């Protein structure tokens, strides 16, 4: 059993961890379709995307339809690019928006909201 001090230390480390911001793609192998999105927290983006798809409530109808047709095993989550962790917070949104546009064009993908 963990002591209170161990739990406090684990909580402190969790709060201080660095989260990766960047661009990602959700790919459907059978159809070859890709959807591109960006996030300030790539791990959280994957969890949120898979959760909403499993609950049949994803806001991108084409992605949800493909998920319902092919099933979870047909999909992958791919980190396309991570941004430098020193990126200033005020510039982050504009940079993410620009990177999303670039990846949408490169992959001929559909956008994730």
N, C-alpha and C. Protein backbone atom coordinates (compact mmCIF):
# COMPACT_ATOMS: atom_id res chain seq x y z
N UNK A 1 0.84 -1.18 0.00
CA UNK A 1 0.00 0.00 0.00
C UNK A 1 0.89 1.25 0.00
N UNK A 2 0.49 2.24 -0.76
CA UNK A 2 1.27 3.48 -0.86
C UNK A 2 1.00 4.38 0.34
N UNK A 3 2.04 5.06 0.77
CA UNK A 3 1.86 6.02 1.86
C UNK A 3 1.30 7.32 1.30
N UNK A 4 0.86 8.18 2.20
CA UNK A 4 0.33 9.49 1.77
C UNK A 4 1.40 10.29 1.04
N UNK A 5 2.63 10.19 1.52
CA UNK A 5 3.73 10.92 0.88
C UNK A 5 3.95 10.42 -0.55
N UNK A 6 3.86 9.09 -0.74
CA UNK A 6 4.02 8.53 -2.09
C UNK A 6 2.91 9.01 -3.01
N UNK A 7 1.70 9.05 -2.50
CA UNK A 7 0.56 9.51 -3.29
C UNK A 7 0.70 10.99 -3.65
N UNK A 8 1.14 11.79 -2.69
CA UNK A 8 1.36 13.22 -2.96
C UNK A 8 2.43 13.42 -4.01
N UNK A 9 3.50 12.64 -3.92
CA UNK A 9 4.58 12.75 -4.90
C UNK A 9 4.10 12.34 -6.29
N UNK A 10 3.33 11.28 -6.38
CA UNK A 10 2.79 10.84 -7.67
C UNK A 10 1.87 11.91 -8.25
N UNK A 11 1.05 12.53 -7.42
CA UNK A 11 0.15 13.59 -7.88
C UNK A 11 0.95 14.79 -8.36
N UNK A 12 2.00 15.15 -7.64
CA UNK A 12 2.85 16.27 -8.03
C UNK A 12 3.51 16.01 -9.38
N UNK A 13 4.03 14.81 -9.57
CA UNK A 13 4.67 14.46 -10.83
C UNK A 13 3.67 14.48 -11.98
N UNK A 14 2.45 14.01 -11.73
CA UNK A 14 1.43 14.03 -12.76
C UNK A 14 1.11 15.46 -13.18
N UNK A 15 1.00 16.37 -12.24
CA UNK A 15 0.67 17.76 -12.54
C UNK A 15 1.80 18.46 -13.29
N UNK A 16 3.03 18.03 -13.05
CA UNK A 16 4.18 18.69 -13.66
C UNK A 16 4.60 18.08 -15.00
N UNK A 17 3.96 17.01 -15.40
CA UNK A 17 4.35 16.35 -16.65
C UNK A 17 4.12 17.27 -17.84
N UNK A 18 4.91 17.07 -18.85
CA UNK A 18 4.77 17.84 -20.10
C UNK A 18 3.79 17.10 -21.00
N UNK A 19 2.87 17.83 -21.58
CA UNK A 19 1.94 17.23 -22.54
C UNK A 19 2.33 17.69 -23.93
N UNK A 20 2.22 16.79 -24.89
CA UNK A 20 2.61 17.10 -26.26
C UNK A 20 1.44 17.69 -27.03
N UNK A 21 1.69 18.81 -27.68
CA UNK A 21 0.72 19.43 -28.58
C UNK A 21 1.15 19.13 -30.00
N UNK A 22 0.16 19.03 -30.90
CA UNK A 22 0.53 18.78 -32.28
C UNK A 22 -0.63 18.35 -33.13
N UNK A 23 -0.28 17.74 -34.27
CA UNK A 23 -1.26 17.28 -35.25
C UNK A 23 -1.32 15.76 -35.23
N UNK A 24 -2.51 15.24 -35.52
CA UNK A 24 -2.70 13.80 -35.54
C UNK A 24 -3.67 13.41 -36.65
N UNK A 25 -3.63 12.14 -37.00
CA UNK A 25 -4.56 11.60 -38.00
C UNK A 25 -5.23 10.37 -37.44
N UNK A 26 -6.50 10.22 -37.77
CA UNK A 26 -7.23 8.99 -37.51
C UNK A 26 -7.42 8.36 -38.87
N UNK A 27 -6.93 7.13 -39.03
CA UNK A 27 -6.95 6.48 -40.33
C UNK A 27 -7.82 5.22 -40.28
N UNK A 28 -8.54 5.03 -41.36
CA UNK A 28 -9.36 3.84 -41.55
C UNK A 28 -8.69 3.00 -42.63
N UNK A 29 -8.16 1.84 -42.26
CA UNK A 29 -7.42 1.00 -43.21
C UNK A 29 -8.27 0.52 -44.39
N UNK A 30 -9.46 -0.03 -44.18
CA UNK A 30 -10.21 -0.56 -45.32
C UNK A 30 -10.60 0.50 -46.36
N UNK A 31 -10.96 1.68 -45.89
CA UNK A 31 -11.41 2.72 -46.82
C UNK A 31 -10.28 3.61 -47.30
N UNK A 32 -9.17 3.64 -46.56
CA UNK A 32 -8.06 4.51 -46.89
C UNK A 32 -8.29 5.97 -46.53
N UNK A 33 -9.37 6.23 -45.83
CA UNK A 33 -9.71 7.60 -45.46
C UNK A 33 -8.93 8.03 -44.21
N UNK A 34 -8.55 9.29 -44.18
CA UNK A 34 -7.88 9.85 -43.01
C UNK A 34 -8.58 11.13 -42.60
N UNK A 35 -8.63 11.35 -41.32
CA UNK A 35 -9.17 12.58 -40.74
C UNK A 35 -8.03 13.21 -39.94
N UNK A 36 -7.85 14.51 -40.06
CA UNK A 36 -6.75 15.19 -39.39
C UNK A 36 -7.29 16.18 -38.37
N UNK A 37 -6.64 16.21 -37.22
CA UNK A 37 -6.99 17.16 -36.17
C UNK A 37 -5.73 17.65 -35.48
N UNK A 38 -5.90 18.62 -34.62
CA UNK A 38 -4.80 19.14 -33.81
C UNK A 38 -5.28 19.25 -32.37
N UNK A 39 -4.32 19.23 -31.46
CA UNK A 39 -4.67 19.31 -30.05
C UNK A 39 -3.51 19.85 -29.24
N UNK A 40 -3.85 20.49 -28.14
CA UNK A 40 -2.85 20.92 -27.17
C UNK A 40 -2.34 19.74 -26.35
N UNK A 41 -3.11 18.63 -26.37
CA UNK A 41 -2.74 17.43 -25.61
C UNK A 41 -3.09 16.21 -26.46
N UNK A 42 -2.11 15.65 -27.13
CA UNK A 42 -2.35 14.56 -28.07
C UNK A 42 -2.88 13.30 -27.39
N UNK A 43 -2.40 12.99 -26.19
CA UNK A 43 -2.90 11.80 -25.49
C UNK A 43 -4.38 11.96 -25.17
N UNK A 44 -4.76 13.13 -24.69
CA UNK A 44 -6.16 13.37 -24.37
C UNK A 44 -7.02 13.36 -25.63
N UNK A 45 -6.48 13.83 -26.75
CA UNK A 45 -7.23 13.83 -28.01
C UNK A 45 -7.56 12.41 -28.44
N UNK A 46 -6.60 11.51 -28.33
CA UNK A 46 -6.86 10.12 -28.70
C UNK A 46 -7.93 9.52 -27.80
N UNK A 47 -7.79 9.71 -26.50
CA UNK A 47 -8.76 9.16 -25.56
C UNK A 47 -10.16 9.70 -25.83
N UNK A 48 -10.27 10.99 -26.05
CA UNK A 48 -11.58 11.61 -26.30
C UNK A 48 -12.18 11.11 -27.61
N UNK A 49 -11.35 10.99 -28.63
CA UNK A 49 -11.84 10.53 -29.94
C UNK A 49 -12.36 9.10 -29.85
N UNK A 50 -11.57 8.19 -29.28
CA UNK A 50 -11.98 6.80 -29.18
C UNK A 50 -13.22 6.66 -28.28
N UNK A 51 -13.26 7.41 -27.20
CA UNK A 51 -14.42 7.35 -26.30
C UNK A 51 -15.70 7.76 -27.03
N UNK A 52 -15.65 8.89 -27.73
CA UNK A 52 -16.86 9.37 -28.41
C UNK A 52 -17.26 8.42 -29.55
N UNK A 53 -16.29 7.81 -30.22
CA UNK A 53 -16.61 6.84 -31.27
C UNK A 53 -17.26 5.59 -30.67
N UNK A 54 -16.72 5.11 -29.58
CA UNK A 54 -17.29 3.92 -28.93
C UNK A 54 -18.70 4.18 -28.42
N UNK A 55 -18.95 5.41 -28.00
CA UNK A 55 -20.28 5.78 -27.48
C UNK A 55 -21.25 6.18 -28.61
N UNK A 56 -20.73 6.13 -29.84
CA UNK A 56 -21.51 6.49 -31.04
C UNK A 56 -21.99 7.93 -31.02
N UNK A 57 -21.11 8.79 -30.55
CA UNK A 57 -21.48 10.20 -30.47
C UNK A 57 -20.42 11.15 -31.01
N UNK A 58 -19.58 10.67 -31.92
CA UNK A 58 -18.55 11.56 -32.45
C UNK A 58 -19.19 12.64 -33.30
N UNK A 59 -18.66 13.85 -33.21
CA UNK A 59 -19.27 14.99 -33.92
C UNK A 59 -18.97 15.01 -35.41
N UNK A 60 -18.02 14.22 -35.87
CA UNK A 60 -17.73 14.14 -37.31
C UNK A 60 -18.48 12.91 -37.84
N UNK A 61 -19.57 13.17 -38.53
CA UNK A 61 -20.47 12.10 -38.96
C UNK A 61 -19.78 11.08 -39.87
N UNK A 62 -18.91 11.53 -40.77
CA UNK A 62 -18.25 10.60 -41.69
C UNK A 62 -17.32 9.64 -40.95
N UNK A 63 -16.65 10.13 -39.92
CA UNK A 63 -15.78 9.28 -39.12
C UNK A 63 -16.62 8.28 -38.33
N UNK A 64 -17.69 8.74 -37.73
CA UNK A 64 -18.55 7.84 -36.95
C UNK A 64 -19.16 6.76 -37.85
N UNK A 65 -19.57 7.15 -39.06
CA UNK A 65 -20.15 6.17 -39.99
C UNK A 65 -19.12 5.11 -40.38
N UNK A 66 -17.89 5.53 -40.63
CA UNK A 66 -16.84 4.57 -40.99
C UNK A 66 -16.54 3.65 -39.81
N UNK A 67 -16.50 4.18 -38.61
CA UNK A 67 -16.26 3.40 -37.40
C UNK A 67 -17.37 2.36 -37.24
N UNK A 68 -18.60 2.77 -37.43
CA UNK A 68 -19.73 1.85 -37.29
C UNK A 68 -19.69 0.76 -38.35
N UNK A 69 -19.22 1.09 -39.54
CA UNK A 69 -19.14 0.13 -40.64
C UNK A 69 -18.00 -0.86 -40.45
N UNK A 70 -16.80 -0.38 -40.14
CA UNK A 70 -15.61 -1.22 -40.14
C UNK A 70 -15.18 -1.70 -38.76
N UNK A 71 -15.60 -1.04 -37.71
CA UNK A 71 -15.22 -1.44 -36.36
C UNK A 71 -13.90 -0.84 -35.90
N UNK A 72 -13.71 -0.89 -34.61
CA UNK A 72 -12.54 -0.26 -33.98
C UNK A 72 -11.21 -0.78 -34.51
N UNK A 73 -11.13 -2.07 -34.81
CA UNK A 73 -9.88 -2.67 -35.27
C UNK A 73 -9.36 -2.11 -36.58
N UNK A 74 -10.21 -1.45 -37.32
CA UNK A 74 -9.81 -0.91 -38.63
C UNK A 74 -9.20 0.49 -38.52
N UNK A 75 -9.11 1.03 -37.31
CA UNK A 75 -8.67 2.42 -37.14
C UNK A 75 -7.37 2.51 -36.36
N UNK A 76 -6.58 3.51 -36.76
CA UNK A 76 -5.35 3.82 -36.04
C UNK A 76 -5.31 5.31 -35.75
N UNK A 77 -4.64 5.64 -34.68
CA UNK A 77 -4.40 7.04 -34.30
C UNK A 77 -2.92 7.27 -34.49
N UNK A 78 -2.58 8.24 -35.32
CA UNK A 78 -1.18 8.49 -35.67
C UNK A 78 -0.82 9.93 -35.34
N UNK A 79 0.22 10.10 -34.55
CA UNK A 79 0.74 11.45 -34.30
C UNK A 79 1.55 11.84 -35.52
N UNK A 80 1.14 12.91 -36.16
CA UNK A 80 1.81 13.38 -37.37
C UNK A 80 2.98 14.31 -37.05
N UNK A 81 2.78 15.10 -36.01
CA UNK A 81 3.79 16.12 -35.69
C UNK A 81 3.55 16.60 -34.27
N UNK A 82 4.63 16.77 -33.52
CA UNK A 82 4.53 17.40 -32.21
C UNK A 82 5.23 18.74 -32.28
N UNK A 83 4.67 19.68 -31.59
CA UNK A 83 5.24 21.03 -31.56
C UNK A 83 6.29 21.13 -30.47
N UNK A 84 7.20 22.03 -30.66
CA UNK A 84 8.24 22.28 -29.66
C UNK A 84 7.57 22.71 -28.36
N UNK A 85 7.98 22.09 -27.27
CA UNK A 85 7.35 22.41 -25.99
C UNK A 85 7.64 23.84 -25.52
N UNK A 86 8.57 24.51 -26.17
CA UNK A 86 8.87 25.89 -25.84
C UNK A 86 8.00 26.89 -26.60
N UNK A 87 7.07 26.39 -27.41
CA UNK A 87 6.18 27.28 -28.16
C UNK A 87 5.38 28.13 -27.19
N UNK A 88 5.38 29.40 -27.42
CA UNK A 88 4.67 30.33 -26.54
C UNK A 88 3.17 30.05 -26.58
N UNK A 89 2.52 30.09 -25.45
CA UNK A 89 1.09 29.77 -25.35
C UNK A 89 0.23 30.65 -26.24
N UNK A 90 0.62 31.91 -26.41
CA UNK A 90 -0.17 32.82 -27.24
C UNK A 90 -0.08 32.49 -28.73
N UNK A 91 1.00 31.85 -29.13
CA UNK A 91 1.18 31.49 -30.54
C UNK A 91 0.66 30.09 -30.86
N UNK A 92 0.35 29.33 -29.83
CA UNK A 92 0.01 27.92 -30.01
C UNK A 92 -1.22 27.70 -30.89
N UNK A 93 -2.30 28.42 -30.65
CA UNK A 93 -3.52 28.21 -31.44
C UNK A 93 -3.31 28.49 -32.93
N UNK A 94 -2.64 29.59 -33.23
CA UNK A 94 -2.38 29.92 -34.63
C UNK A 94 -1.48 28.89 -35.30
N UNK A 95 -0.48 28.43 -34.57
CA UNK A 95 0.43 27.42 -35.10
C UNK A 95 -0.30 26.09 -35.34
N UNK A 96 -1.14 25.69 -34.40
CA UNK A 96 -1.91 24.46 -34.58
C UNK A 96 -2.83 24.56 -35.78
N UNK A 97 -3.47 25.69 -35.93
CA UNK A 97 -4.37 25.89 -37.07
C UNK A 97 -3.61 25.79 -38.39
N UNK A 98 -2.43 26.37 -38.45
CA UNK A 98 -1.62 26.32 -39.66
C UNK A 98 -1.15 24.90 -39.95
N UNK A 99 -0.75 24.17 -38.92
CA UNK A 99 -0.28 22.81 -39.11
C UNK A 99 -1.42 21.90 -39.56
N UNK A 100 -2.62 22.15 -39.04
CA UNK A 100 -3.78 21.35 -39.46
C UNK A 100 -4.05 21.55 -40.95
N UNK A 101 -4.05 22.78 -41.40
CA UNK A 101 -4.27 23.07 -42.82
C UNK A 101 -3.22 22.38 -43.69
N UNK A 102 -1.99 22.44 -43.25
CA UNK A 102 -0.90 21.82 -44.00
C UNK A 102 -1.09 20.30 -44.10
N UNK A 103 -1.40 19.66 -43.00
CA UNK A 103 -1.57 18.21 -43.01
C UNK A 103 -2.82 17.78 -43.77
N UNK A 104 -3.88 18.57 -43.69
CA UNK A 104 -5.09 18.26 -44.47
C UNK A 104 -4.75 18.20 -45.96
N UNK A 105 -3.97 19.18 -46.40
CA UNK A 105 -3.58 19.24 -47.81
C UNK A 105 -2.63 18.09 -48.18
N UNK A 106 -1.62 17.85 -47.34
CA UNK A 106 -0.63 16.81 -47.63
C UNK A 106 -1.27 15.42 -47.75
N UNK A 107 -2.23 15.15 -46.89
CA UNK A 107 -2.83 13.81 -46.84
C UNK A 107 -4.14 13.70 -47.60
N UNK A 108 -4.60 14.82 -48.18
CA UNK A 108 -5.93 14.84 -48.81
C UNK A 108 -6.95 14.25 -47.84
N UNK A 109 -6.91 14.75 -46.63
CA UNK A 109 -7.72 14.22 -45.54
C UNK A 109 -8.94 15.07 -45.26
N UNK A 110 -9.79 14.54 -44.41
CA UNK A 110 -10.97 15.27 -43.94
C UNK A 110 -10.64 15.89 -42.58
N UNK A 111 -11.24 17.03 -42.27
CA UNK A 111 -10.91 17.68 -40.99
C UNK A 111 -11.70 17.09 -39.81
N UNK A 112 -11.03 17.04 -38.68
CA UNK A 112 -11.69 16.77 -37.41
C UNK A 112 -11.93 18.13 -36.78
N UNK A 113 -13.07 18.32 -36.20
CA UNK A 113 -13.41 19.63 -35.62
C UNK A 113 -12.58 19.93 -34.40
